[in-house]
N, C-alpha and C. Protein backbone atom coordinates (compact mmCIF):
# COMPACT_ATOMS: atom_id res chain seq x y z
N MET A 1 182.82 116.75 15.90
CA MET A 1 183.37 116.89 16.70
C MET A 1 182.51 117.81 18.28
N ALA A 2 182.02 118.63 17.52
CA ALA A 2 181.18 119.71 18.77
C ALA A 2 179.89 118.92 19.05
N GLU A 3 179.51 118.07 18.49
CA GLU A 3 178.76 117.06 19.17
C GLU A 3 179.34 115.83 20.40
N HIS A 4 180.02 115.14 20.56
CA HIS A 4 180.94 114.98 21.17
C HIS A 4 181.53 115.66 22.55
N ASP A 5 182.06 117.12 21.96
CA ASP A 5 182.28 118.08 22.82
C ASP A 5 180.73 118.16 23.90
N GLU A 6 179.77 118.63 23.17
CA GLU A 6 178.18 118.52 23.86
C GLU A 6 177.90 117.26 24.76
N LEU A 7 177.99 115.99 24.50
CA LEU A 7 178.02 115.09 25.11
C LEU A 7 178.83 114.75 26.11
N ASN A 8 180.16 115.04 26.37
CA ASN A 8 181.26 115.13 27.43
C ASN A 8 181.17 116.40 28.09
N GLU A 9 180.13 117.36 28.04
CA GLU A 9 179.82 118.48 28.72
C GLU A 9 178.47 118.19 29.71
N ALA A 10 177.31 117.16 28.48
CA ALA A 10 176.78 116.77 29.71
C ALA A 10 176.69 115.84 30.47
N LEU A 11 177.57 115.23 30.18
CA LEU A 11 178.06 113.38 31.34
C LEU A 11 178.61 114.69 32.51
N SER A 12 179.39 115.53 32.17
CA SER A 12 180.19 115.70 33.21
C SER A 12 179.46 116.96 34.10
N SER A 13 178.28 117.42 33.48
CA SER A 13 177.53 118.18 34.49
C SER A 13 177.00 117.21 35.45
N THR A 14 176.32 116.18 34.81
CA THR A 14 175.65 114.87 35.79
C THR A 14 176.32 114.33 36.28
N GLN A 15 177.50 114.26 35.96
CA GLN A 15 178.57 113.50 37.22
C GLN A 15 178.85 114.62 37.99
N ARG A 16 178.66 116.04 38.06
CA ARG A 16 178.97 116.81 39.03
C ARG A 16 177.82 116.91 40.06
N ASN A 17 176.61 116.59 39.33
CA ASN A 17 175.65 116.76 40.42
C ASN A 17 175.11 115.21 40.84
N ILE A 18 175.98 114.38 40.94
CA ILE A 18 175.81 113.36 41.74
C ILE A 18 175.96 113.15 43.14
N PRO A 19 176.69 114.17 43.61
CA PRO A 19 176.81 114.14 45.21
C PRO A 19 175.76 114.83 45.62
N ASP A 20 175.27 115.64 45.19
CA ASP A 20 173.74 116.13 45.37
C ASP A 20 172.39 115.46 45.08
N LEU A 21 172.64 114.45 44.09
CA LEU A 21 171.45 113.11 44.06
C LEU A 21 171.60 112.40 45.10
N MET A 22 173.11 111.67 46.11
CA MET A 22 172.86 110.88 46.92
C MET A 22 172.62 111.98 48.36
N GLN A 23 172.46 112.94 48.36
CA GLN A 23 172.42 113.55 49.19
C GLN A 23 171.12 113.74 49.62
N ALA A 24 170.40 113.85 48.54
CA ALA A 24 168.58 114.19 48.35
C ALA A 24 168.48 112.68 48.55
N ILE A 25 168.69 111.40 48.54
CA ILE A 25 168.80 109.98 48.58
C ILE A 25 168.71 109.69 49.93
N ALA A 26 169.84 110.33 50.33
CA ALA A 26 170.15 109.80 52.01
C ALA A 26 168.83 110.77 52.81
N LEU A 27 168.57 112.06 52.95
CA LEU A 27 167.65 112.38 53.30
C LEU A 27 165.88 111.94 53.03
N GLU A 28 166.03 111.34 51.92
CA GLU A 28 164.58 110.55 51.65
C GLU A 28 164.62 109.81 52.61
N GLN A 29 165.92 108.71 52.89
CA GLN A 29 165.86 107.48 53.39
C GLN A 29 165.64 108.59 55.03
N THR A 30 166.28 109.48 55.49
CA THR A 30 166.08 109.77 57.19
C THR A 30 164.96 109.83 57.28
N ALA A 31 164.03 110.87 56.16
CA ALA A 31 162.86 111.31 57.09
C ALA A 31 161.95 109.84 56.90
N MET A 32 162.32 108.56 55.99
CA MET A 32 161.10 107.92 56.18
C MET A 32 161.91 106.93 57.21
N ALA A 33 162.26 106.59 57.98
CA ALA A 33 163.00 106.43 58.66
C ALA A 33 162.23 107.23 60.48
N LYS A 34 162.36 108.50 60.25
CA LYS A 34 161.63 109.02 61.18
C LYS A 34 159.99 108.58 61.52
N LEU A 35 159.59 108.75 59.73
CA LEU A 35 158.07 107.88 60.02
C LEU A 35 157.77 106.68 60.84
N ILE A 36 158.91 106.20 60.27
CA ILE A 36 158.94 104.63 61.10
C ILE A 36 158.65 104.47 62.47
N ALA A 37 159.86 105.43 62.76
CA ALA A 37 159.91 105.51 64.55
C ALA A 37 158.82 106.16 65.03
N ALA A 38 158.17 107.41 64.46
CA ALA A 38 157.04 108.19 64.97
C ALA A 38 155.99 106.95 65.03
N GLU A 39 155.59 106.50 64.06
CA GLU A 39 154.54 105.63 63.84
C GLU A 39 154.54 104.39 65.50
N THR A 40 156.23 103.90 65.28
CA THR A 40 156.37 103.03 66.62
C THR A 40 155.91 103.32 67.67
N GLU A 41 156.46 104.77 67.36
CA GLU A 41 155.92 105.44 69.18
C GLU A 41 155.09 105.48 69.29
N LYS A 42 153.99 105.68 68.22
CA LYS A 42 152.33 106.39 68.34
C LYS A 42 151.59 104.87 68.56
N PHE A 43 151.85 103.79 68.25
CA PHE A 43 151.61 102.33 68.21
C PHE A 43 151.80 101.93 69.54
N SER A 44 153.09 102.04 70.64
CA SER A 44 153.41 101.49 71.07
C SER A 44 152.46 102.28 72.45
N GLY A 45 152.16 103.46 72.03
CA GLY A 45 151.18 104.08 73.30
C GLY A 45 149.60 103.92 72.97
N LEU A 46 149.63 103.62 71.82
CA LEU A 46 148.24 103.53 71.97
C LEU A 46 147.70 102.05 72.35
N THR A 47 148.46 101.27 72.21
CA THR A 47 148.22 100.18 72.92
C THR A 47 147.67 99.22 73.97
N GLY A 48 148.07 100.62 75.16
CA GLY A 48 147.32 100.46 76.27
C GLY A 48 145.96 100.89 76.69
N THR A 49 146.11 102.23 75.63
CA THR A 49 144.49 103.01 75.61
C THR A 49 143.92 102.15 74.84
N LEU A 50 143.91 102.05 73.29
CA LEU A 50 142.49 101.41 72.43
C LEU A 50 141.77 100.93 73.45
N SER A 51 140.20 100.79 73.12
CA SER A 51 139.66 100.22 73.82
C SER A 51 138.90 98.91 73.85
N ASN A 52 139.21 98.67 72.25
CA ASN A 52 138.71 97.11 71.47
C ASN A 52 139.45 96.83 70.28
N VAL A 53 139.20 95.48 69.68
CA VAL A 53 140.16 94.96 68.53
C VAL A 53 140.15 95.77 67.28
N GLU A 54 138.51 96.53 67.14
CA GLU A 54 138.34 96.62 66.24
C GLU A 54 139.29 98.21 66.09
N ASP A 55 139.45 99.19 67.24
CA ASP A 55 140.74 100.40 67.15
C ASP A 55 142.09 100.07 66.90
N LEU A 56 142.24 98.65 67.34
CA LEU A 56 143.46 98.38 66.95
C LEU A 56 143.64 97.69 65.71
N HIS A 57 142.48 97.27 64.63
CA HIS A 57 142.87 96.61 63.51
C HIS A 57 142.71 98.34 62.54
N LEU A 58 141.82 99.20 62.89
CA LEU A 58 142.08 100.16 62.26
C LEU A 58 143.50 100.96 62.09
N HIS A 59 144.23 100.88 63.25
CA HIS A 59 145.95 101.46 63.38
C HIS A 59 146.51 100.74 62.35
N GLY A 60 145.91 99.66 62.90
CA GLY A 60 146.96 98.72 62.33
C GLY A 60 147.14 98.85 60.46
N GLU A 61 145.56 99.00 60.11
CA GLU A 61 145.72 99.56 59.07
C GLU A 61 146.52 101.18 58.49
N HIS A 62 146.56 102.08 59.21
CA HIS A 62 146.93 102.74 58.98
C HIS A 62 148.57 102.72 58.77
N VAL A 63 149.03 101.73 59.66
CA VAL A 63 150.81 101.52 59.39
C VAL A 63 150.71 100.52 58.23
N ARG A 64 149.81 99.77 57.86
CA ARG A 64 149.73 98.86 56.65
C ARG A 64 150.05 99.81 55.60
N GLU A 65 149.31 101.03 55.55
CA GLU A 65 149.52 101.72 54.47
C GLU A 65 150.70 102.49 54.36
N LEU A 66 151.04 103.30 54.96
CA LEU A 66 152.00 103.86 55.17
C LEU A 66 153.39 103.16 55.13
N LEU A 67 153.39 101.44 55.47
CA LEU A 67 154.80 100.81 55.37
C LEU A 67 154.62 100.80 53.58
N LYS A 68 153.29 100.62 53.05
CA LYS A 68 153.08 100.11 51.82
C LYS A 68 153.88 101.84 51.16
N LEU A 69 153.51 103.04 51.51
CA LEU A 69 153.79 103.92 50.49
C LEU A 69 155.69 103.78 50.72
N ILE A 70 156.09 103.36 52.16
CA ILE A 70 157.82 103.71 52.26
C ILE A 70 158.09 102.46 51.24
N ILE A 71 157.83 101.72 51.33
CA ILE A 71 158.01 100.27 50.19
C ILE A 71 158.34 100.87 48.85
N LYS A 72 157.34 101.74 48.67
CA LYS A 72 157.01 102.11 46.78
C LYS A 72 157.85 102.83 47.25
N LYS A 73 158.51 103.74 47.74
CA LYS A 73 159.38 105.14 47.80
C LYS A 73 160.63 104.07 47.83
N GLU A 74 160.90 103.51 48.54
CA GLU A 74 162.17 102.40 48.68
C GLU A 74 162.63 102.09 47.27
N ILE A 75 161.60 101.22 46.63
CA ILE A 75 161.64 100.82 44.83
C ILE A 75 162.12 102.01 44.33
N LEU A 76 161.70 102.86 44.41
CA LEU A 76 162.17 104.36 43.40
C LEU A 76 163.49 104.83 43.31
N ILE A 77 163.84 104.52 44.84
CA ILE A 77 164.94 104.73 45.33
C ILE A 77 165.94 104.36 44.82
N GLU A 78 165.53 102.73 45.01
CA GLU A 78 166.92 101.64 44.38
C GLU A 78 167.03 102.70 42.62
N PHE A 79 165.80 102.60 42.49
CA PHE A 79 166.17 103.05 40.40
C PHE A 79 166.96 104.10 40.42
N HIS A 80 166.90 105.26 41.42
CA HIS A 80 167.74 106.20 41.20
C HIS A 80 168.84 106.00 41.66
N LEU A 81 169.30 105.15 42.79
CA LEU A 81 170.98 104.85 42.75
C LEU A 81 171.20 103.80 41.40
N ASP A 82 170.43 103.10 41.10
CA ASP A 82 170.83 102.02 39.74
C ASP A 82 171.40 103.45 38.86
N TRP A 83 170.37 104.11 38.51
CA TRP A 83 171.08 105.23 37.67
C TRP A 83 171.83 106.00 37.81
N ILE A 84 172.61 106.24 38.99
CA ILE A 84 173.58 106.87 39.46
C ILE A 84 174.86 105.73 39.10
N ARG A 85 174.75 104.67 39.15
CA ARG A 85 175.64 104.13 39.38
C ARG A 85 176.24 103.88 37.94
N GLU A 86 174.95 103.99 37.18
CA GLU A 86 175.48 103.79 35.66
C GLU A 86 175.80 105.17 35.01
N MET A 87 175.75 106.23 35.34
CA MET A 87 176.08 107.57 35.99
C MET A 87 177.94 107.37 35.70
N VAL A 88 177.93 106.52 36.95
CA VAL A 88 179.61 106.60 37.62
C VAL A 88 180.17 105.86 36.32
N ARG A 89 179.74 104.66 35.47
CA ARG A 89 180.52 103.90 35.32
C ARG A 89 181.31 104.51 33.85
């Protein structure tokens, strides 16, 4: 019986933390959106000042790496959301 109570208490504690987890995910999403917006703004400003195609390519590589990182974070966020959905059930 005590084991059942401990399990219920642990589940209840986890469920109480779900709003905090959701807020953390929302903050991560906001931060990533700001990164993308800043990179877009920077790229827009650079297109008129880049002296050659090589400079444009180097900046494009930087953007590609940033987007790869953001996609990886999105995948992790999806795993976190799946875990939260399971906890709510």
